[in-house]
Amino acid sequence: MKIACGWDHRGRAFADGLRECIEALGHEFVAMGAESDESSDYPDFAFRVGEAVGRGECERGVLLCGTGNGMAMSANKVPGIRAALAWDVESARLSRAHNDANVLTLGEQFASGPILRAILEAWLATAHEGGRHERRVNKIRDYEQRLAGQGTSE
């Protein structure tokens, strides 16, 4: 699986561990993060990763920042993206099983070290369960399509 990965200055030190985990699990790591430790803006990277996933250039995305919240908020503005913040294995697993999350956001303050690999393994290995959950995910897709049909007013 091809995985777009982005990070801001807070997630940069965490990116090497992310690359190692993703490649060790047999997936392709596509770097889309900050190239220096200078302060950077998480929406820039969230939009870049979200667009790559939304266009189908990458099957999934992973985003890193201090808490993961800013990345999730930003990525979820990109049509077709269902970004989920995970802080443990169960939250990662359920984001896929119930919500069909296609972008995972992580906070370097909460998901570093050994837990990182466990979270990634769970998230990458879990399939969407469908059923009653599919109905709910379809409501999100339908809403996005309605908004896209409205266009913007200037």
C-alpha atoms as a PDB file:
ATOM      1  CA  MET A   1       0.000   0.000   0.000  1.00  0.00           C
ATOM      2  CA  LYS A   2       1.252   3.505  -0.836  1.00  0.00           C
ATOM      3  CA  ILE A   3       0.975   5.774   2.219  1.00  0.00           C
ATOM      4  CA  ALA A   4       1.320   9.565   2.077  1.00  0.00           C
ATOM      5  CA  CYS A   5       2.942  10.845   5.269  1.00  0.00           C
ATOM      6  CA  GLY A   6       3.119  14.432   6.433  1.00  0.00           C
ATOM      7  CA  TRP A   7       4.354  16.241   9.521  1.00  0.00           C
ATOM      8  CA  ASP A   8       5.009  19.720  10.756  1.00  0.00           C
ATOM      9  CA  HIS A   9       8.050  20.828  12.762  1.00  0.00           C
ATOM     10  CA  ARG A  10       6.709  19.033  15.869  1.00  0.00           C
ATOM     11  CA  GLY A  11       6.383  15.722  14.043  1.00  0.00           C
ATOM     12  CA  ARG A  12       9.647  15.926  12.110  1.00  0.00           C
ATOM     13  CA  ALA A  13      11.753  14.042  14.682  1.00  0.00           C
ATOM     14  CA  PHE A  14       9.049  11.374  14.733  1.00  0.00           C
ATOM     15  CA  ALA A  15       9.088  10.929  10.922  1.00  0.00           C
ATOM     16  CA  ASP A  16      12.075   8.567  10.764  1.00  0.00           C
ATOM     17  CA  GLY A  17      10.365   6.164  13.161  1.00  0.00           C
ATOM     18  CA  LEU A  18       7.209   6.413  11.091  1.00  0.00           C
ATOM     19  CA  ARG A  19       9.132   5.603   7.900  1.00  0.00           C
ATOM     20  CA  GLU A  20      10.806   2.606   9.536  1.00  0.00           C
ATOM     21  CA  CYS A  21       7.480   1.236  10.796  1.00  0.00           C
ATOM     22  CA  ILE A  22       5.638   1.675   7.502  1.00  0.00           C
ATOM     23  CA  GLU A  23       8.423   0.131   5.437  1.00  0.00           C
ATOM     24  CA  ALA A  24       8.894  -2.732   7.938  1.00  0.00           C
ATOM     25  CA  LEU A  25       5.189  -3.502   7.519  1.00  0.00           C
ATOM     26  CA  GLY A  26       5.738  -3.786   3.744  1.00  0.00           C
ATOM     27  CA  HIS A  27       4.217  -0.488   2.628  1.00  0.00           C
ATOM     28  CA  GLU A  28       5.564   2.387   0.543  1.00  0.00           C
ATOM     29  CA  PHE A  29       6.317   5.572   2.499  1.00  0.00           C
ATOM     30  CA  VAL A  30       5.686   8.805   0.562  1.00  0.00           C
ATOM     31  CA  ALA A  31       7.245  11.767   2.392  1.00  0.00           C
ATOM     32  CA  MET A  32       5.236  14.999   2.347  1.00  0.00           C
ATOM     33  CA  GLY A  33       6.399  16.630   5.563  1.00  0.00           C
ATOM     34  CA  ALA A  34       8.445  19.537   6.831  1.00  0.00           C
ATOM     35  CA  GLU A  35      12.074  19.430   5.783  1.00  0.00           C
ATOM     36  CA  SER A  36      13.442  21.445   8.701  1.00  0.00           C
ATOM     37  CA  ASP A  37      12.840  22.048  12.389  1.00  0.00           C
ATOM     38  CA  GLU A  38      11.763  25.628  11.745  1.00  0.00           C
ATOM     39  CA  SER A  39       8.204  26.410  12.768  1.00  0.00           C
ATOM     40  CA  SER A  40       5.746  25.306  10.085  1.00  0.00           C
ATOM     41  CA  ASP A  41       1.986  25.229   9.661  1.00  0.00           C
ATOM     42  CA  TYR A  42       0.259  21.854  10.013  1.00  0.00           C
ATOM     43  CA  PRO A  43      -2.596  22.674   7.581  1.00  0.00           C
ATOM     44  CA  ASP A  44      -0.119  22.844   4.693  1.00  0.00           C
ATOM     45  CA  PHE A  45       0.916  19.230   5.233  1.00  0.00           C
ATOM     46  CA  ALA A  46      -2.579  17.983   6.095  1.00  0.00           C
ATOM     47  CA  PHE A  47      -3.937  19.413   2.844  1.00  0.00           C
ATOM     48  CA  ARG A  48      -1.047  17.952   0.824  1.00  0.00           C
ATOM     49  CA  VAL A  49      -1.558  14.445   2.237  1.00  0.00           C
ATOM     50  CA  GLY A  50      -5.352  14.698   2.093  1.00  0.00           C
ATOM     51  CA  GLU A  51      -5.285  15.706  -1.547  1.00  0.00           C
ATOM     52  CA  ALA A  52      -2.922  12.844  -2.456  1.00  0.00           C
ATOM     53  CA  VAL A  53      -5.278  10.360  -0.793  1.00  0.00           C
ATOM     54  CA  GLY A  54      -8.382  12.055  -2.189  1.00  0.00           C
ATOM     55  CA  ARG A  55      -7.024  11.910  -5.749  1.00  0.00           C
ATOM     56  CA  GLY A  56      -6.090   8.239  -5.325  1.00  0.00           C
ATOM     57  CA  GLU A  57      -2.331   8.810  -5.678  1.00  0.00           C
ATOM     58  CA  CYS A  58      -1.920   7.112  -2.282  1.00  0.00           C
ATOM     59  CA  GLU A  59      -4.274   4.612  -0.665  1.00  0.00           C
ATOM     60  CA  ARG A  60      -3.966   6.091   2.813  1.00  0.00           C
ATOM     61  CA  GLY A  61      -2.289   8.882   4.730  1.00  0.00           C
ATOM     62  CA  VAL A  62      -0.629   9.398   8.098  1.00  0.00           C
ATOM     63  CA  LEU A  63      -0.103  12.811   9.678  1.00  0.00           C
ATOM     64  CA  LEU A  64       2.013  13.856  12.666  1.00  0.00           C
ATOM     65  CA  CYS A  65       2.020  17.004  14.757  1.00  0.00           C
ATOM     66  CA  GLY A  66       2.186  17.818  18.450  1.00  0.00           C
ATOM     67  CA  THR A  67      -1.253  16.483  19.411  1.00  0.00           C
ATOM     68  CA  GLY A  68      -2.701  15.199  16.122  1.00  0.00           C
ATOM     69  CA  ASN A  69      -5.762  17.419  16.534  1.00  0.00           C
ATOM     70  CA  GLY A  70      -4.764  20.207  14.151  1.00  0.00           C
ATOM     71  CA  MET A  71      -3.854  17.710  11.459  1.00  0.00           C
ATOM     72  CA  ALA A  72      -7.195  15.913  11.842  1.00  0.00           C
ATOM     73  CA  MET A  73      -9.178  19.144  11.687  1.00  0.00           C
ATOM     74  CA  SER A  74      -7.306  20.301   8.587  1.00  0.00           C
ATOM     75  CA  ALA A  75      -7.303  16.991   6.708  1.00  0.00           C
ATOM     76  CA  ASN A  76     -11.045  16.606   7.247  1.00  0.00           C
ATOM     77  CA  LYS A  77     -11.597  19.759   5.172  1.00  0.00           C
ATOM     78  CA  VAL A  78     -10.361  17.887   2.096  1.00  0.00           C
ATOM     79  CA  PRO A  79     -13.260  16.232   0.224  1.00  0.00           C
ATOM     80  CA  GLY A  80     -13.235  12.464   0.551  1.00  0.00           C
ATOM     81  CA  ILE A  81     -11.011  12.408   3.606  1.00  0.00           C
ATOM     82  CA  ARG A  82     -12.034  10.778   6.852  1.00  0.00           C
ATOM     83  CA  ALA A  83      -9.119  11.561   9.157  1.00  0.00           C
ATOM     84  CA  ALA A  84      -9.093  10.040  12.626  1.00  0.00           C
ATOM     85  CA  LEU A  85      -6.929  10.865  15.605  1.00  0.00           C
ATOM     86  CA  ALA A  86      -5.640   7.744  17.347  1.00  0.00           C
ATOM     87  CA  TRP A  87      -3.859   7.569  20.669  1.00  0.00           C
ATOM     88  CA  ASP A  88      -3.868   3.800  21.175  1.00  0.00           C
ATOM     89  CA  VAL A  89      -4.401   0.546  19.279  1.00  0.00           C
ATOM     90  CA  GLU A  90      -8.148   0.356  19.911  1.00  0.00           C
ATOM     91  CA  SER A  91      -8.884   3.915  18.737  1.00  0.00           C
ATOM     92  CA  ALA A  92      -6.862   3.196  15.568  1.00  0.00           C
ATOM     93  CA  ARG A  93      -8.634  -0.117  14.934  1.00  0.00           C
ATOM     94  CA  LEU A  94     -12.108   1.333  15.447  1.00  0.00           C
ATOM     95  CA  SER A  95     -11.380   4.307  13.178  1.00  0.00           C
ATOM     96  CA  ARG A  96     -10.968   1.810  10.329  1.00  0.00           C
ATOM     97  CA  ALA A  97     -13.581  -0.767  11.322  1.00  0.00           C
ATOM     98  CA  HIS A  98     -16.385   1.699  12.015  1.00  0.00           C
ATOM     99  CA  ASN A  99     -15.453   4.915  10.211  1.00  0.00           C
ATOM    100  CA  ASP A 100     -13.394   3.702   7.238  1.00  0.00           C
ATOM    101  CA  ALA A 101     -10.745   6.316   8.109  1.00  0.00           C
ATOM    102  CA  ASN A 102      -8.364   6.845   5.208  1.00  0.00           C
ATOM    103  CA  VAL A 103      -6.032   9.202   7.088  1.00  0.00           C
ATOM    104  CA  LEU A 104      -4.592   8.577  10.534  1.00  0.00           C
ATOM    105  CA  THR A 105      -3.392  11.470  12.678  1.00  0.00           C
ATOM    106  CA  LEU A 106      -0.986  11.045  15.559  1.00  0.00           C
ATOM    107  CA  GLY A 107       0.439  13.343  18.198  1.00  0.00           C
ATOM    108  CA  GLU A 108       4.117  13.032  18.969  1.00  0.00           C
ATOM    109  CA  GLN A 109       3.268  13.745  22.608  1.00  0.00           C
ATOM    110  CA  PHE A 110       1.053  10.665  22.856  1.00  0.00           C
ATOM    111  CA  ALA A 111       2.029   8.046  20.279  1.00  0.00           C
ATOM    112  CA  SER A 112       5.776   7.751  20.125  1.00  0.00           C
ATOM    113  CA  GLY A 113       8.063   4.838  20.815  1.00  0.00           C
ATOM    114  CA  PRO A 114       6.773   1.247  20.811  1.00  0.00           C
ATOM    115  CA  ILE A 115       3.094   2.238  20.689  1.00  0.00           C
ATOM    116  CA  LEU A 116       3.638   3.806  17.248  1.00  0.00           C
ATOM    117  CA  ARG A 117       4.221   0.463  15.535  1.00  0.00           C
ATOM    118  CA  ALA A 118       1.287  -1.165  17.325  1.00  0.00           C
ATOM    119  CA  ILE A 119      -1.047   1.669  16.293  1.00  0.00           C
ATOM    120  CA  LEU A 120       0.136   1.548  12.678  1.00  0.00           C
ATOM    121  CA  GLU A 121      -0.146  -2.248  12.499  1.00  0.00           C
ATOM    122  CA  ALA A 122      -3.709  -2.145  13.799  1.00  0.00           C
ATOM    123  CA  TRP A 123      -4.771   0.718  11.543  1.00  0.00           C
ATOM    124  CA  LEU A 124      -3.206  -0.699   8.383  1.00  0.00           C
ATOM    125  CA  ALA A 125      -4.470  -4.239   8.985  1.00  0.00           C
ATOM    126  CA  THR A 126      -8.065  -3.391   9.895  1.00  0.00           C
ATOM    127  CA  ALA A 127     -10.741  -3.470   7.211  1.00  0.00           C
ATOM    128  CA  HIS A 128     -13.920  -1.437   7.248  1.00  0.00           C
ATOM    129  CA  GLU A 129     -16.703  -3.623   8.665  1.00  0.00           C
ATOM    130  CA  GLY A 130     -19.458  -2.201   6.469  1.00  0.00           C
ATOM    131  CA  GLY A 131     -22.982  -3.047   7.626  1.00  0.00           C
ATOM    132  CA  ARG A 132     -24.521  -0.369   9.816  1.00  0.00           C
ATOM    133  CA  HIS A 133     -21.217   1.494   9.668  1.00  0.00           C
ATOM    134  CA  GLU A 134     -21.382   1.746   5.866  1.00  0.00           C
ATOM    135  CA  ARG A 135     -24.700   3.584   6.129  1.00  0.00           C
ATOM    136  CA  ARG A 136     -23.064   6.163   8.363  1.00  0.00           C
ATOM    137  CA  VAL A 137     -19.975   6.598   6.205  1.00  0.00           C
ATOM    138  CA  ASN A 138     -22.259   7.023   3.180  1.00  0.00           C
ATOM    139  CA  LYS A 139     -24.036   9.878   4.973  1.00  0.00           C
ATOM    140  CA  ILE A 140     -20.686  11.667   5.209  1.00  0.00           C
ATOM    141  CA  ARG A 141     -20.017  11.075   1.495  1.00  0.00           C
ATOM    142  CA  ASP A 142     -23.529  12.248   0.556  1.00  0.00           C
ATOM    143  CA  TYR A 143     -23.136  15.414   2.587  1.00  0.00           C
ATOM    144  CA  GLU A 144     -19.802  16.196   0.902  1.00  0.00           C
ATOM    145  CA  GLN A 145     -21.392  15.702  -2.514  1.00  0.00           C
ATOM    146  CA  ARG A 146     -24.272  18.029  -1.626  1.00  0.00           C
ATOM    147  CA  LEU A 147     -21.805  20.696  -0.520  1.00  0.00           C
ATOM    148  CA  ALA A 148     -19.722  20.249  -3.683  1.00  0.00           C
ATOM    149  CA  GLY A 149     -22.872  20.724  -5.776  1.00  0.00           C
ATOM    150  CA  GLN A 150     -23.615  24.057  -4.089  1.00  0.00           C
ATOM    151  CA  GLY A 151     -20.354  25.641  -5.185  1.00  0.00           C
ATOM    152  CA  THR A 152     -19.177  28.832  -3.556  1.00  0.00           C
ATOM    153  CA  SER A 153     -20.831  32.209  -3.504  1.00  0.00           C
ATOM    154  CA  GLU A 154     -18.731  35.342  -3.865  1.00  0.00           C
END
